[in-house]
Amino acid sequence: MAGPVVLADTSALIEYFRKKDKSRTLLRKLALEHCSLKLSVITEFEVFVGATEEQLGYWD
């Protein structure tokens, strides 16, 4: 059976990208619980507007 589907908010993504120790972030915890992470179009827009060139490479 597949894990739960979670709609990730912008704040969870920002926390993940800003922290050096990613093991203590909410996204990492959800990934370890085998959750399927989804983004709304609004969250996707916010990420792309606020991303650096280096971060944009992650999304390619």
N, C-alpha and C. Protein backbone atom coordinates (compact mmCIF):
# COMPACT_ATOMS: atom_id res chain seq x y z
N MET A 1 0.84 -1.18 0.00
CA MET A 1 0.00 0.00 0.00
C MET A 1 0.89 1.25 0.00
N ALA A 2 0.54 2.21 -0.79
CA ALA A 2 1.31 3.46 -0.87
C ALA A 2 1.10 4.29 0.38
N GLY A 3 2.11 5.13 0.67
CA GLY A 3 2.01 6.01 1.82
C GLY A 3 1.03 7.14 1.56
N PRO A 4 0.80 7.95 2.58
CA PRO A 4 -0.14 9.06 2.44
C PRO A 4 0.40 10.13 1.48
N VAL A 5 -0.52 10.88 0.90
CA VAL A 5 -0.17 12.00 0.03
C VAL A 5 -0.21 13.27 0.88
N VAL A 6 0.86 14.07 0.80
CA VAL A 6 0.97 15.29 1.60
C VAL A 6 1.16 16.47 0.67
N LEU A 7 0.35 17.51 0.85
CA LEU A 7 0.49 18.74 0.09
C LEU A 7 1.48 19.62 0.84
N ALA A 8 2.68 19.77 0.29
CA ALA A 8 3.76 20.52 0.95
C ALA A 8 3.56 22.02 0.76
N ASP A 9 3.70 22.75 1.84
CA ASP A 9 3.57 24.20 1.83
C ASP A 9 4.93 24.83 1.55
N THR A 10 4.92 26.07 1.09
CA THR A 10 6.15 26.79 0.80
C THR A 10 7.07 26.84 2.01
N SER A 11 6.53 27.02 3.19
CA SER A 11 7.37 27.14 4.39
C SER A 11 8.16 25.86 4.64
N ALA A 12 7.61 24.70 4.33
CA ALA A 12 8.34 23.44 4.51
C ALA A 12 9.49 23.34 3.51
N LEU A 13 9.28 23.82 2.30
CA LEU A 13 10.35 23.81 1.30
C LEU A 13 11.45 24.80 1.66
N ILE A 14 11.07 25.98 2.13
CA ILE A 14 12.05 26.98 2.54
C ILE A 14 12.90 26.44 3.68
N GLU A 15 12.24 25.81 4.66
CA GLU A 15 12.98 25.23 5.79
C GLU A 15 14.01 24.23 5.27
N TYR A 16 13.62 23.37 4.36
CA TYR A 16 14.51 22.34 3.83
C TYR A 16 15.71 22.96 3.12
N PHE A 17 15.47 23.95 2.27
CA PHE A 17 16.57 24.54 1.50
C PHE A 17 17.49 25.41 2.35
N ARG A 18 17.00 25.98 3.42
CA ARG A 18 17.83 26.87 4.25
C ARG A 18 18.67 26.13 5.28
N LYS A 19 18.19 25.01 5.78
CA LYS A 19 18.91 24.31 6.85
C LYS A 19 20.07 23.51 6.30
N LYS A 20 21.19 23.59 7.01
CA LYS A 20 22.35 22.78 6.63
C LYS A 20 22.12 21.32 7.01
N ASP A 21 21.51 21.10 8.18
CA ASP A 21 21.22 19.74 8.64
C ASP A 21 19.81 19.36 8.18
N LYS A 22 19.74 18.81 6.98
CA LYS A 22 18.44 18.49 6.38
C LYS A 22 17.74 17.33 7.08
N SER A 23 18.47 16.56 7.86
CA SER A 23 17.88 15.41 8.53
C SER A 23 16.86 15.81 9.59
N ARG A 24 16.87 17.06 9.99
CA ARG A 24 15.95 17.51 11.03
C ARG A 24 14.79 18.34 10.47
N THR A 25 14.56 18.27 9.17
CA THR A 25 13.49 19.05 8.56
C THR A 25 12.22 18.22 8.41
N LEU A 26 11.12 18.91 8.28
CA LEU A 26 9.82 18.26 8.10
C LEU A 26 9.79 17.44 6.81
N LEU A 27 10.34 17.97 5.73
CA LEU A 27 10.32 17.24 4.46
C LEU A 27 11.08 15.92 4.56
N ARG A 28 12.21 15.95 5.24
CA ARG A 28 13.00 14.72 5.43
C ARG A 28 12.20 13.70 6.24
N LYS A 29 11.54 14.17 7.29
CA LYS A 29 10.73 13.29 8.13
C LYS A 29 9.61 12.65 7.30
N LEU A 30 8.95 13.45 6.49
CA LEU A 30 7.87 12.92 5.65
C LEU A 30 8.39 11.92 4.63
N ALA A 31 9.56 12.19 4.07
CA ALA A 31 10.16 11.27 3.10
C ALA A 31 10.48 9.93 3.75
N LEU A 32 10.97 9.97 4.98
CA LEU A 32 11.27 8.73 5.70
C LEU A 32 10.02 7.93 6.02
N GLU A 33 8.88 8.62 6.10
CA GLU A 33 7.60 7.95 6.35
C GLU A 33 6.94 7.51 5.05
N HIS A 34 7.68 7.62 3.94
CA HIS A 34 7.22 7.20 2.61
C HIS A 34 5.96 7.95 2.16
N CYS A 35 5.92 9.23 2.47
CA CYS A 35 4.82 10.07 2.01
C CYS A 35 5.08 10.51 0.58
N SER A 36 4.03 10.66 -0.17
CA SER A 36 4.13 11.21 -1.51
C SER A 36 3.89 12.71 -1.39
N LEU A 37 4.92 13.50 -1.71
CA LEU A 37 4.82 14.95 -1.57
C LEU A 37 4.32 15.58 -2.86
N LYS A 38 3.36 16.45 -2.74
CA LYS A 38 2.79 17.18 -3.87
C LYS A 38 2.87 18.67 -3.59
N LEU A 39 2.92 19.47 -4.66
CA LEU A 39 2.94 20.93 -4.54
C LEU A 39 1.73 21.50 -5.26
N SER A 40 1.15 22.54 -4.68
CA SER A 40 0.09 23.26 -5.38
C SER A 40 0.75 24.17 -6.41
N VAL A 41 -0.02 24.66 -7.37
CA VAL A 41 0.55 25.58 -8.36
C VAL A 41 0.99 26.88 -7.69
N ILE A 42 0.34 27.26 -6.62
CA ILE A 42 0.73 28.48 -5.89
C ILE A 42 2.08 28.27 -5.23
N THR A 43 2.28 27.13 -4.58
CA THR A 43 3.56 26.84 -3.95
C THR A 43 4.66 26.76 -5.00
N GLU A 44 4.38 26.12 -6.12
CA GLU A 44 5.36 26.02 -7.20
C GLU A 44 5.76 27.42 -7.69
N PHE A 45 4.79 28.29 -7.87
CA PHE A 45 5.07 29.67 -8.29
C PHE A 45 5.95 30.38 -7.27
N GLU A 46 5.60 30.26 -5.98
CA GLU A 46 6.38 30.92 -4.93
C GLU A 46 7.81 30.42 -4.89
N VAL A 47 8.00 29.13 -5.10
CA VAL A 47 9.36 28.56 -5.11
C VAL A 47 10.16 29.13 -6.27
N PHE A 48 9.59 29.15 -7.45
CA PHE A 48 10.33 29.65 -8.62
C PHE A 48 10.61 31.14 -8.54
N VAL A 49 9.70 31.91 -7.98
CA VAL A 49 9.92 33.35 -7.85
C VAL A 49 11.05 33.64 -6.87
N GLY A 50 11.13 32.87 -5.78
CA GLY A 50 12.12 33.13 -4.74
C GLY A 50 13.41 32.35 -4.84
N ALA A 51 13.54 31.48 -5.84
CA ALA A 51 14.71 30.61 -5.94
C ALA A 51 15.91 31.33 -6.53
N THR A 52 17.09 30.93 -6.08
CA THR A 52 18.34 31.41 -6.67
C THR A 52 18.62 30.58 -7.92
N GLU A 53 19.61 30.99 -8.70
CA GLU A 53 19.99 30.23 -9.89
C GLU A 53 20.41 28.81 -9.51
N GLU A 54 21.15 28.68 -8.43
CA GLU A 54 21.58 27.36 -7.96
C GLU A 54 20.39 26.48 -7.59
N GLN A 55 19.42 27.06 -6.91
CA GLN A 55 18.24 26.30 -6.50
C GLN A 55 17.37 25.92 -7.70
N LEU A 56 17.32 26.77 -8.70
CA LEU A 56 16.53 26.45 -9.89
C LEU A 56 17.03 25.18 -10.57
N GLY A 57 18.35 24.94 -10.51
CA GLY A 57 18.92 23.73 -11.07
C GLY A 57 18.39 22.47 -10.42
N TYR A 58 18.01 22.57 -9.16
CA TYR A 58 17.45 21.43 -8.43
C TYR A 58 16.12 20.99 -9.04
N TRP A 59 15.35 21.94 -9.54
CA TRP A 59 14.01 21.66 -10.04
C TRP A 59 13.98 21.20 -11.49
N ASP A 60 15.12 21.26 -12.18
CA ASP A 60 15.15 20.80 -13.59
C ASP A 60 15.05 19.31 -13.69
